[in-house]
Every structure is written in C-alpha cells, then in structure tokens.
Amino acid sequence: MTDPSIPAHLPFEGRLAPFDGATAWLNSPVLTTEALRGKVVLVDFWTFTCINWLRTRGYVRAWADKYREQGLVVIGVHTPEFPFEGELDNVRWAVKEMRIDFPVAVDTEYGVWNAFANHYWPAIYLADAQGRIRYHHFGEGEYEEGERVIQQLLREAGAEGIGDDLVSVPDEGVEAQADWAHLESPETYLGYEQGRNFVSEGEAAFGRPHRYASPGPLELNQWSLSGDWTIESGAGLVNRAGGSIVFRFHARDANLVLAPPPGEHARFRVTVDGRDPGTGHGLDIDEHGEGTIVEPRMYQLLRLAGPAVDRTFEITFLDPGARAYVFTFG
C-alpha cells in the first residue's frame, strides 16, 4: 500500500551539489559528495535569525539524532541574511546556543547556496545513497512527509530497523509553530531596501540621521519611528536614547531581529496598547517589558494569550546605537 504522507514517486532531481564553496566547517571536518556516498543526506539551509527556520530546527535536530546510526547525515548550511550572520564567531555562538551537533557548512560567500541554486530559508534537500536528490521542501511544515521520505530512502539504502513511528517535538519557546489560523501580520523589514508600510509625519530621510515623529494611530501592519534614527539599507539605527518603533499588528507572537552597538549592550522597553505586557511577555523581556540586547539575534518580545486581535506594539530604546532589522510574527 502506498503511504499517503509521501509523494507517490520520488523523482530524481539532479545530483547532490558540492560543498566546495563553504568557508568553514563546524562540528565536522570538510565533507565532500564523494565521502557522503552510501549515506542518505539531508541538507538544511538556515540562518540563525530566521524565525521560519527556528520553527523547523527541532524537527531537523530530532531527525539527526534518531537516524544518525542508521545512515542519515544531516548537514546544516548556514548562509547569512544579515552582515553579522556572516561573522564566524557569531555562527559558532549560534551553533552552541541552539544545540546543533551535526555538521555545519559555513556559507558566508553563498558558494553552497549558489551550487544548489537555492533561494529560501529554510530549505531542505534529501539525497539518496547514490548522491541523487530525491526530495526538497521550502519553508515550514510538511514534517510528516519529510520524515517519511527519510525512512523510505534509508530503507532503499539497506538500513535495517527503520520503523514507521515519527519524532515528537515539543511545541514551545521559539520553536513553537505559528498560530497560522489567526496570523495577519507579515515579515516586515526596517531598512529602506526591503521596507514597506512605513508611515512618517513628514518626509523620510534615507541613509542619514533624521528626527522622526509618530503620525498618530496606525492601520494594521503599518509602522512608524519616533526620535533620532538613521534608516539604513538593511536596518534602522537608533542614534539617541529614547527612539522608538511603533507597529500595529495581529498575531500571537512578535519577534524583532536586533543588534547591539559594537562591544556594548543596549536596553529597551516594550509596551502593548500602552501597557506592560505582563504574562504576554516573550522569552527576551520580563513582565514589565524590559529587556537587553546582548548579542545580534532574533528577540522574542511577545507571546500573547487568548485570541489574536489588532494591537499596537511599541519598543523604546533606552540606549543609543542599536540596530533593528526585521519584525516577524507567529
């Protein structure tokens, strides 16, 4: 009987691309396609600030642990989105912090990304023991399908003892799946190259310091600045303490990618509809909305209980020099 959770036929999608473009390897010596022959290989493209990847990492980590002894090799390819993600020390920190113990190809110059002709974070490619790509999935979800394909490819490779049971992953922390049924706010960048839905009282000034004032009530998914900011190509830089970002959103979770000034920390405070978040605070703030940017990464600011409704979020920076890159929601 055909398993309905996997495609009826796994096509041959080409050969497993080489990893020659990797600039470094973590948790492993250099791996080549020749050395991987005879293994089922899962290639996971990621970058450590990406919420879409963060919500998949529990599954990838569980698959690596469960099937390692039966012939599965998981290779994480870390291809950076933001400049600080291209710094090797930051990648090392992320690998340790996120408990990643499988091989990681550091792809700072996009060599592996281009070899795979990849365009997404996250992206999974599965190759059989002959080095042929048989399956891919872009984005989140389809976890049962992905694991069923792993099982099928391992059986094809002659592995014994491959059962039909599936991994169980806790739905908690930043790895909790999004509340897709009620999510109405999109990923929103704060730099001028990809930014959208920015509203300002008066003209915006790109690439130079400028004093902003909030224009008043916002419509859903609009955002504004107040205080002294420089809107850079990929981020907003707060030049003076007291600068803030206001966002009108509809979601359970609100996250923001933040970076501190070089060599320093930066404090901030969050409110929701003008009040402390209380029990709706995220992992990176307390019930009073207070938090500190210590390293460049994604900060989970809110995890609200109850049905999602339109709310107004504000983050005020108590120290200058922080950069804000992108809002994500869940």
Protein backbone atom coordinates (compact mmCIF):
# COMPACT_ATOMS: atom_id res chain seq x y z
CA MET A 1 0.00 0.00 0.00
CA THR A 2 1.33 3.46 -0.89
CA ASP A 3 1.92 5.71 2.10
CA PRO A 4 -0.31 8.78 1.52
CA SER A 5 2.02 11.02 3.53
CA ILE A 6 4.82 10.91 0.92
CA PRO A 7 4.75 11.54 -2.82
CA ALA A 8 3.70 8.50 -4.87
CA HIS A 9 7.01 8.70 -6.73
CA LEU A 10 10.23 10.31 -5.56
CA PRO A 11 11.77 11.82 -8.69
CA PHE A 12 15.47 12.23 -9.41
CA GLU A 13 16.07 15.97 -9.11
CA GLY A 14 19.73 16.00 -10.03
CA ARG A 15 22.95 15.26 -8.17
CA LEU A 16 23.85 16.40 -4.70
CA ALA A 17 25.74 19.67 -5.25
CA PRO A 18 29.28 20.01 -3.88
CA PHE A 19 30.10 21.86 -0.67
CA ASP A 20 33.32 23.33 -2.04
CA GLY A 21 32.05 26.88 -1.52
CA ALA A 22 31.91 26.53 2.26
CA THR A 23 34.24 29.00 4.00
CA ALA A 24 34.50 26.87 7.18
CA TRP A 25 33.09 23.73 8.79
CA LEU A 26 31.80 23.38 12.35
CA ASN A 27 31.25 20.09 14.21
CA SER A 28 32.95 18.22 11.38
CA PRO A 29 35.95 18.02 9.08
CA VAL A 30 35.35 19.05 5.47
CA LEU A 31 32.72 16.83 3.85
CA THR A 32 32.64 16.02 0.16
CA THR A 33 29.97 14.44 -2.00
CA GLU A 34 32.33 11.52 -2.62
CA ALA A 35 32.78 10.91 1.12
CA LEU A 36 28.99 11.01 1.59
CA ARG A 37 28.28 8.31 -0.99
CA GLY A 38 26.40 5.45 0.64
CA LYS A 39 24.70 7.77 3.12
CA VAL A 40 21.28 9.39 2.97
CA VAL A 41 21.99 13.11 3.20
CA LEU A 42 19.69 15.86 4.45
CA VAL A 43 20.90 19.38 3.60
CA ASP A 44 19.26 22.10 5.68
CA PHE A 45 19.79 25.73 4.60
CA TRP A 46 19.44 28.07 7.56
CA THR A 47 20.45 31.37 9.07
CA PHE A 48 20.26 31.89 12.79
CA THR A 49 17.89 34.88 12.96
CA CYS A 50 15.24 33.36 10.68
CA ILE A 51 12.02 32.57 12.59
CA ASN A 52 10.86 30.28 9.80
CA TRP A 53 13.98 28.16 10.27
CA LEU A 54 13.83 28.41 14.07
CA ARG A 55 10.38 26.82 13.98
CA THR A 56 11.79 23.87 11.97
CA ARG A 57 15.04 23.28 13.87
CA GLY A 58 13.50 20.97 16.49
CA TYR A 59 12.45 18.55 13.76
CA VAL A 60 15.78 18.63 11.94
CA ARG A 61 17.67 18.13 15.20
CA ALA A 62 15.37 15.23 16.16
CA TRP A 63 15.81 13.55 12.76
CA ALA A 64 19.59 13.87 13.04
CA ASP A 65 19.54 12.20 16.47
CA LYS A 66 17.05 9.47 15.58
CA TYR A 67 18.51 8.29 12.27
CA ARG A 68 22.24 9.01 12.66
CA GLU A 69 23.14 5.40 13.46
CA GLN A 70 21.02 4.13 10.56
CA GLY A 71 22.83 6.09 7.89
CA LEU A 72 21.39 9.63 7.81
CA VAL A 73 23.84 12.53 7.63
CA VAL A 74 22.36 15.96 8.32
CA ILE A 75 24.37 18.92 7.06
CA GLY A 76 23.32 22.41 8.05
CA VAL A 77 24.36 25.06 5.54
CA HIS A 78 24.47 28.42 7.29
CA THR A 79 24.05 31.13 4.66
CA PRO A 80 23.75 34.61 6.21
CA GLU A 81 20.98 37.11 5.55
CA PHE A 82 22.40 39.98 7.61
CA PRO A 83 26.07 41.07 7.80
CA PHE A 84 26.55 39.98 11.42
CA GLU A 85 25.38 36.47 10.49
CA GLY A 86 28.43 36.19 8.24
CA GLU A 87 30.84 36.54 11.17
CA LEU A 88 32.23 33.13 12.11
CA ASP A 89 32.22 33.80 15.86
CA ASN A 90 28.51 34.60 15.69
CA VAL A 91 27.81 31.38 13.81
CA ARG A 92 29.83 29.45 16.40
CA TRP A 93 27.74 31.06 19.14
CA ALA A 94 24.50 30.14 17.37
CA VAL A 95 25.55 26.51 16.83
CA LYS A 96 26.37 26.13 20.53
CA GLU A 97 23.35 28.09 21.80
CA MET A 98 20.92 26.18 19.58
CA ARG A 99 22.36 22.75 20.46
CA ILE A 100 23.28 21.86 16.89
CA ASP A 101 25.67 18.92 16.95
CA PHE A 102 25.51 17.84 13.31
CA PRO A 103 27.97 19.16 10.67
CA VAL A 104 27.55 22.80 9.64
CA ALA A 105 28.98 24.21 6.42
CA VAL A 106 29.54 27.92 6.94
CA ASP A 107 28.47 29.51 3.66
CA THR A 108 29.43 33.14 4.16
CA GLU A 109 30.05 33.80 0.45
CA TYR A 110 26.93 31.95 -0.79
CA GLY A 111 29.05 29.35 -2.61
CA VAL A 112 26.97 26.37 -1.47
CA TRP A 113 23.71 28.33 -1.81
CA ASN A 114 24.53 29.04 -5.45
CA ALA A 115 25.68 25.49 -6.14
CA PHE A 116 22.24 24.27 -5.07
CA ALA A 117 20.53 27.18 -6.88
CA ASN A 118 18.73 27.74 -3.58
CA HIS A 119 16.56 30.78 -2.82
CA TYR A 120 14.99 30.06 0.57
CA TRP A 121 15.47 29.87 4.33
CA PRO A 122 14.69 27.23 5.41
CA ALA A 123 15.15 24.77 2.58
CA ILE A 124 15.63 21.01 2.89
CA TYR A 125 17.10 18.73 0.24
CA LEU A 126 17.23 14.94 0.66
CA ALA A 127 19.70 12.86 -1.35
CA ASP A 128 19.75 9.08 -1.54
CA ALA A 129 22.76 6.82 -1.02
CA GLN A 130 23.75 7.23 -4.68
CA GLY A 131 24.00 11.00 -4.28
CA ARG A 132 20.78 11.78 -6.16
CA ILE A 133 18.44 14.46 -4.80
CA ARG A 134 15.04 12.83 -4.38
CA TYR A 135 13.06 15.37 -2.39
CA HIS A 136 13.06 19.03 -1.39
CA HIS A 137 10.87 21.28 0.71
CA PHE A 138 10.99 25.05 1.04
CA GLY A 139 9.69 26.80 4.15
CA GLU A 140 7.95 25.38 7.19
CA GLY A 141 5.64 22.41 7.60
CA GLU A 142 5.28 19.02 5.91
CA TYR A 143 7.22 17.41 8.77
CA GLU A 144 5.49 14.03 8.48
CA GLU A 145 6.12 13.95 4.74
CA GLY A 146 9.78 14.82 5.23
CA GLU A 147 10.33 12.11 7.82
CA ARG A 148 8.54 9.51 5.71
CA VAL A 149 10.91 10.30 2.85
CA ILE A 150 13.90 9.90 5.17
CA GLN A 151 12.58 6.49 6.19
CA GLN A 152 12.00 5.45 2.59
CA LEU A 153 15.48 6.50 1.45
CA LEU A 154 17.12 4.71 4.39
CA ARG A 155 15.22 1.53 3.55
CA GLU A 156 16.29 1.85 -0.10
CA ALA A 157 19.87 2.11 1.15
CA GLY A 158 19.53 -1.18 3.02
CA ALA A 159 19.21 0.16 6.56
CA GLU A 160 17.51 -2.21 8.97
CA GLY A 161 15.12 -1.49 11.79
CA ILE A 162 13.52 1.59 10.22
CA GLY A 163 10.12 1.83 11.88
CA ASP A 164 7.09 3.90 10.94
CA ASP A 165 6.98 5.98 14.12
CA LEU A 166 7.60 9.72 13.87
CA VAL A 167 9.57 12.09 16.08
CA SER A 168 7.71 14.12 18.69
CA VAL A 169 8.93 17.69 19.10
CA PRO A 170 7.85 19.99 21.97
CA ASP A 171 5.77 22.91 20.75
CA GLU A 172 7.40 25.55 22.94
CA GLY A 173 9.72 28.53 23.00
CA VAL A 174 10.80 29.99 19.67
CA GLU A 175 10.29 26.53 18.14
CA ALA A 176 6.52 26.66 18.76
CA GLN A 177 4.62 26.56 15.49
CA ALA A 178 2.94 29.78 14.42
CA ASP A 179 -0.74 30.38 15.06
CA TRP A 180 -1.37 30.29 11.33
CA ALA A 181 -5.16 30.47 11.63
CA HIS A 182 -5.01 33.92 13.21
CA LEU A 183 -1.76 35.35 11.85
CA GLU A 184 -2.42 38.51 9.82
CA SER A 185 0.90 40.36 10.04
CA PRO A 186 3.75 39.69 7.58
CA GLU A 187 7.51 39.72 7.94
CA THR A 188 8.42 43.41 7.81
CA TYR A 189 11.91 44.80 7.16
CA LEU A 190 13.00 48.14 8.59
CA GLY A 191 15.73 49.09 6.11
CA TYR A 192 14.88 51.13 3.02
CA GLU A 193 15.82 48.39 0.52
CA GLN A 194 13.06 46.00 1.59
CA GLY A 195 10.98 48.12 3.94
CA ARG A 196 7.25 48.55 3.44
CA ASN A 197 4.24 50.01 5.26
CA PHE A 198 6.36 52.72 6.90
CA VAL A 199 4.45 55.89 7.72
CA SER A 200 6.01 59.12 8.88
CA GLU A 201 4.99 62.61 9.81
CA GLY A 202 6.85 64.43 7.05
CA GLU A 203 9.38 63.04 4.62
CA ALA A 204 11.61 60.10 5.45
CA ALA A 205 15.36 60.59 5.10
CA PHE A 206 17.32 57.54 3.97
CA GLY A 207 20.96 56.98 4.85
CA ARG A 208 21.35 59.95 7.21
CA PRO A 209 20.27 60.93 10.73
CA HIS A 210 16.78 62.37 10.93
CA ARG A 211 14.31 63.24 13.65
CA TYR A 212 11.01 61.39 13.31
CA ALA A 213 7.64 61.86 14.97
CA SER A 214 4.84 59.30 15.11
CA PRO A 215 1.98 60.32 12.82
CA GLY A 216 -0.73 59.11 15.20
CA PRO A 217 -2.94 55.98 15.10
CA LEU A 218 -1.71 53.35 12.67
CA GLU A 219 -3.64 51.00 10.43
CA LEU A 220 -2.97 47.27 10.60
CA ASN A 221 0.64 46.37 9.64
CA GLN A 222 1.81 49.96 9.44
CA TRP A 223 4.81 51.05 11.49
CA SER A 224 6.46 54.34 12.40
CA LEU A 225 9.51 55.78 14.14
CA SER A 226 9.91 58.48 16.73
CA GLY A 227 13.15 60.05 17.86
CA ASP A 228 16.53 60.31 16.15
CA TRP A 229 17.08 57.49 13.62
CA THR A 230 19.09 56.64 10.54
CA ILE A 231 17.19 54.40 8.13
CA GLU A 232 19.97 52.35 6.55
CA SER A 233 19.65 50.00 3.59
CA GLY A 234 19.10 46.95 5.80
CA ALA A 235 18.20 48.26 9.24
CA GLY A 236 17.07 51.15 11.37
CA LEU A 237 19.81 52.64 13.59
CA VAL A 238 18.68 54.48 16.72
CA ASN A 239 21.05 57.42 17.18
CA ARG A 240 19.88 58.70 20.56
CA ALA A 241 18.30 57.14 23.62
CA GLY A 242 14.53 57.38 23.62
CA GLY A 243 13.98 56.46 19.99
CA SER A 244 11.07 54.09 19.45
CA ILE A 245 9.28 51.93 16.87
CA VAL A 246 5.51 51.55 16.86
CA PHE A 247 3.83 48.67 14.95
CA ARG A 248 0.15 47.81 14.58
CA PHE A 249 -0.02 44.01 14.33
CA HIS A 250 -2.33 40.99 14.52
CA ALA A 251 -0.58 37.86 15.82
CA ARG A 252 0.17 35.78 18.90
CA ASP A 253 3.94 36.31 18.77
CA ALA A 254 6.02 39.35 17.91
CA ASN A 255 9.76 38.99 17.24
CA LEU A 256 12.41 41.50 16.21
CA VAL A 257 15.95 40.95 14.94
CA LEU A 258 18.20 43.31 16.90
CA ALA A 259 21.92 44.02 17.19
CA PRO A 260 23.66 45.99 19.97
CA PRO A 261 26.32 48.64 19.38
CA PRO A 262 29.72 47.01 18.79
CA GLY A 263 31.14 45.76 22.09
CA GLU A 264 28.21 47.05 24.15
CA HIS A 265 24.74 46.14 25.36
CA ALA A 266 21.58 48.15 24.77
CA ARG A 267 18.48 48.27 26.96
CA PHE A 268 14.92 48.58 25.68
CA ARG A 269 11.34 48.53 26.91
CA VAL A 270 8.22 47.13 25.23
CA THR A 271 4.55 48.05 25.68
CA VAL A 272 1.36 46.62 24.17
CA ASP A 273 -1.54 49.03 23.71
CA GLY A 274 0.33 51.40 26.01
CA ARG A 275 0.67 48.92 28.89
CA ASP A 276 3.23 46.47 30.25
CA PRO A 277 2.95 43.08 28.52
CA GLY A 278 2.54 41.18 31.82
CA THR A 279 2.03 37.48 31.18
CA GLY A 280 2.15 38.18 27.43
CA HIS A 281 5.88 38.86 27.55
CA GLY A 282 8.19 36.87 25.29
CA LEU A 283 11.31 34.96 26.22
CA ASP A 284 13.56 38.02 25.92
CA ILE A 285 11.69 40.53 28.09
CA ASP A 286 10.13 40.46 31.56
CA GLU A 287 6.55 41.20 32.56
CA HIS A 288 7.37 44.91 32.69
CA GLY A 289 8.55 44.79 29.08
CA GLU A 290 12.21 45.34 29.91
CA GLY A 291 15.00 43.62 28.01
CA THR A 292 18.62 43.97 26.92
CA ILE A 293 20.25 43.41 23.54
CA VAL A 294 23.36 41.38 24.33
CA GLU A 295 24.21 39.70 21.03
CA PRO A 296 22.85 40.14 17.49
CA ARG A 297 19.94 37.72 17.01
CA MET A 298 16.18 37.40 16.92
CA TYR A 299 14.48 38.52 20.15
CA GLN A 300 11.08 37.09 21.05
CA LEU A 301 9.27 40.07 22.54
CA LEU A 302 5.66 38.93 22.87
CA ARG A 303 3.73 35.69 23.24
CA LEU A 304 0.17 36.75 23.92
CA ALA A 305 -2.58 34.53 25.29
CA GLY A 306 -6.12 34.40 24.00
CA PRO A 307 -7.41 35.10 20.51
CA ALA A 308 -5.26 37.35 18.33
CA VAL A 309 -6.66 40.84 17.79
CA ASP A 310 -5.24 44.07 16.38
CA ARG A 311 -2.77 45.51 18.88
CA THR A 312 -0.24 48.32 18.97
CA PHE A 313 3.30 47.36 19.91
CA GLU A 314 5.98 49.89 20.89
CA ILE A 315 9.65 49.31 21.62
CA THR A 316 11.65 52.18 23.11
CA PHE A 317 15.44 52.05 23.18
CA LEU A 318 16.95 53.30 26.43
CA ASP A 319 20.48 53.34 24.99
CA PRO A 320 21.70 54.58 21.60
CA GLY A 321 23.39 52.56 18.88
CA ALA A 322 21.12 49.54 18.47
CA ARG A 323 20.01 48.34 15.05
CA ALA A 324 16.60 46.85 14.28
CA TYR A 325 16.38 44.70 11.15
CA VAL A 326 13.08 42.86 10.71
CA PHE A 327 9.84 42.11 12.53
CA THR A 328 8.45 38.58 12.32
CA PHE A 329 5.24 37.21 13.77
CA GLY A 330 3.72 33.90 14.75
